[in-house]
């Protein structure tokens, strides 16, 4: 496997869309935790814990974009 990566399907979203977050280059015996931090901070950090990595080293998460996310930038850490 190569370098482990996490990417989104688009650079920006509008409320009502779903951000598709994918990872590749992980090993299938790993569990991944993702943390979405809002800027400006509104109310909480969005966490996805113990995401199962597929046998091919990939994973996928769907993150709904809400009306309150308009004008918010997210920093994603894994």
C-alpha atoms as a PDB file:
ATOM      1  CA  UNK A   1       0.000   0.000   0.000  1.00  0.00           C
ATOM      2  CA  UNK A   2       1.078   3.563  -0.649  1.00  0.00           C
ATOM      3  CA  UNK A   3       0.661   6.654   1.459  1.00  0.00           C
ATOM      4  CA  UNK A   4      -2.620   6.707   3.402  1.00  0.00           C
ATOM      5  CA  UNK A   5      -4.855   9.536   2.146  1.00  0.00           C
ATOM      6  CA  UNK A   6      -8.222  11.096   2.933  1.00  0.00           C
ATOM      7  CA  UNK A   7     -10.015  13.246   0.321  1.00  0.00           C
ATOM      8  CA  UNK A   8     -13.424  14.733  -0.401  1.00  0.00           C
ATOM      9  CA  UNK A   9     -15.270  14.489  -3.690  1.00  0.00           C
ATOM     10  CA  UNK A  10     -15.581  18.301  -4.049  1.00  0.00           C
ATOM     11  CA  UNK A  11     -13.743  21.365  -2.716  1.00  0.00           C
ATOM     12  CA  UNK A  12     -16.980  23.071  -1.566  1.00  0.00           C
ATOM     13  CA  UNK A  13     -20.597  22.135  -0.838  1.00  0.00           C
ATOM     14  CA  UNK A  14     -23.960  23.811  -0.396  1.00  0.00           C
ATOM     15  CA  UNK A  15     -26.514  22.943   2.294  1.00  0.00           C
ATOM     16  CA  UNK A  16     -28.497  19.858   1.346  1.00  0.00           C
ATOM     17  CA  UNK A  17     -25.557  18.164  -0.367  1.00  0.00           C
ATOM     18  CA  UNK A  18     -23.622  15.234   1.036  1.00  0.00           C
ATOM     19  CA  UNK A  19     -19.853  15.371   1.216  1.00  0.00           C
ATOM     20  CA  UNK A  20     -18.299  12.065   0.196  1.00  0.00           C
ATOM     21  CA  UNK A  21     -15.097  11.484   2.131  1.00  0.00           C
ATOM     22  CA  UNK A  22     -12.900   8.628   0.940  1.00  0.00           C
ATOM     23  CA  UNK A  23      -9.640   7.152   2.057  1.00  0.00           C
ATOM     24  CA  UNK A  24      -7.092   5.013   0.260  1.00  0.00           C
ATOM     25  CA  UNK A  25      -3.743   3.459   1.043  1.00  0.00           C
ATOM     26  CA  UNK A  26      -4.837   2.150   4.452  1.00  0.00           C
ATOM     27  CA  UNK A  27      -4.398  -1.455   5.528  1.00  0.00           C
ATOM     28  CA  UNK A  28      -7.478  -3.596   5.962  1.00  0.00           C
ATOM     29  CA  UNK A  29      -6.633  -4.393   9.596  1.00  0.00           C
ATOM     30  CA  UNK A  30      -6.957  -0.710  10.543  1.00  0.00           C
ATOM     31  CA  UNK A  31      -9.856   1.254  11.936  1.00  0.00           C
ATOM     32  CA  UNK A  32      -9.907   4.967  11.080  1.00  0.00           C
ATOM     33  CA  UNK A  33     -11.228   7.845  13.195  1.00  0.00           C
ATOM     34  CA  UNK A  34     -12.161  11.062  11.381  1.00  0.00           C
ATOM     35  CA  UNK A  35     -12.660  14.420  13.083  1.00  0.00           C
ATOM     36  CA  UNK A  36     -14.315  17.359  11.281  1.00  0.00           C
ATOM     37  CA  UNK A  37     -13.550  20.657  13.059  1.00  0.00           C
ATOM     38  CA  UNK A  38     -15.695  23.701  12.157  1.00  0.00           C
ATOM     39  CA  UNK A  39     -14.257  27.181  11.533  1.00  0.00           C
ATOM     40  CA  UNK A  40     -15.824  29.311  12.815  1.00  0.00           C
ATOM     41  CA  UNK A  41     -16.636  26.898  15.620  1.00  0.00           C
ATOM     42  CA  UNK A  42     -20.425  26.544  15.882  1.00  0.00           C
ATOM     43  CA  UNK A  43     -21.240  23.817  18.357  1.00  0.00           C
ATOM     44  CA  UNK A  44     -19.156  20.670  18.156  1.00  0.00           C
ATOM     45  CA  UNK A  45     -16.597  18.559  16.393  1.00  0.00           C
ATOM     46  CA  UNK A  46     -18.105  15.909  14.141  1.00  0.00           C
ATOM     47  CA  UNK A  47     -16.513  12.518  14.780  1.00  0.00           C
ATOM     48  CA  UNK A  48     -16.669   9.226  12.946  1.00  0.00           C
ATOM     49  CA  UNK A  49     -15.064   6.453  14.983  1.00  0.00           C
ATOM     50  CA  UNK A  50     -13.827   2.988  14.029  1.00  0.00           C
ATOM     51  CA  UNK A  51     -14.450   3.272  10.295  1.00  0.00           C
ATOM     52  CA  UNK A  52     -13.765  -0.148   8.821  1.00  0.00           C
ATOM     53  CA  UNK A  53     -11.159  -0.204   6.065  1.00  0.00           C
ATOM     54  CA  UNK A  54     -12.033  -2.411   3.079  1.00  0.00           C
ATOM     55  CA  UNK A  55      -9.737  -5.204   1.922  1.00  0.00           C
ATOM     56  CA  UNK A  56      -8.420  -2.936  -0.863  1.00  0.00           C
ATOM     57  CA  UNK A  57      -7.324  -0.276   1.671  1.00  0.00           C
ATOM     58  CA  UNK A  58     -10.206   2.140   1.061  1.00  0.00           C
ATOM     59  CA  UNK A  59     -13.094   3.547   3.080  1.00  0.00           C
ATOM     60  CA  UNK A  60     -16.010   5.926   2.466  1.00  0.00           C
ATOM     61  CA  UNK A  61     -17.991   8.256   4.754  1.00  0.00           C
ATOM     62  CA  UNK A  62     -21.002  10.402   3.841  1.00  0.00           C
ATOM     63  CA  UNK A  63     -21.206  13.718   5.724  1.00  0.00           C
ATOM     64  CA  UNK A  64     -24.464  15.714   5.359  1.00  0.00           C
ATOM     65  CA  UNK A  65     -24.060  19.466   4.815  1.00  0.00           C
ATOM     66  CA  UNK A  66     -26.660  21.349   6.847  1.00  0.00           C
ATOM     67  CA  UNK A  67     -27.984  24.919   6.511  1.00  0.00           C
ATOM     68  CA  UNK A  68     -25.899  25.953   9.545  1.00  0.00           C
ATOM     69  CA  UNK A  69     -22.725  24.870   7.676  1.00  0.00           C
ATOM     70  CA  UNK A  70     -23.091  27.748   5.179  1.00  0.00           C
ATOM     71  CA  UNK A  71     -19.866  29.780   5.387  1.00  0.00           C
ATOM     72  CA  UNK A  72     -18.150  27.173   7.561  1.00  0.00           C
ATOM     73  CA  UNK A  73     -14.797  25.673   6.660  1.00  0.00           C
ATOM     74  CA  UNK A  74     -13.923  22.209   7.944  1.00  0.00           C
ATOM     75  CA  UNK A  75     -10.532  20.871   8.867  1.00  0.00           C
ATOM     76  CA  UNK A  76     -10.409  17.095   8.661  1.00  0.00           C
ATOM     77  CA  UNK A  77      -7.995  14.964  10.656  1.00  0.00           C
ATOM     78  CA  UNK A  78      -7.643  11.198  10.670  1.00  0.00           C
END
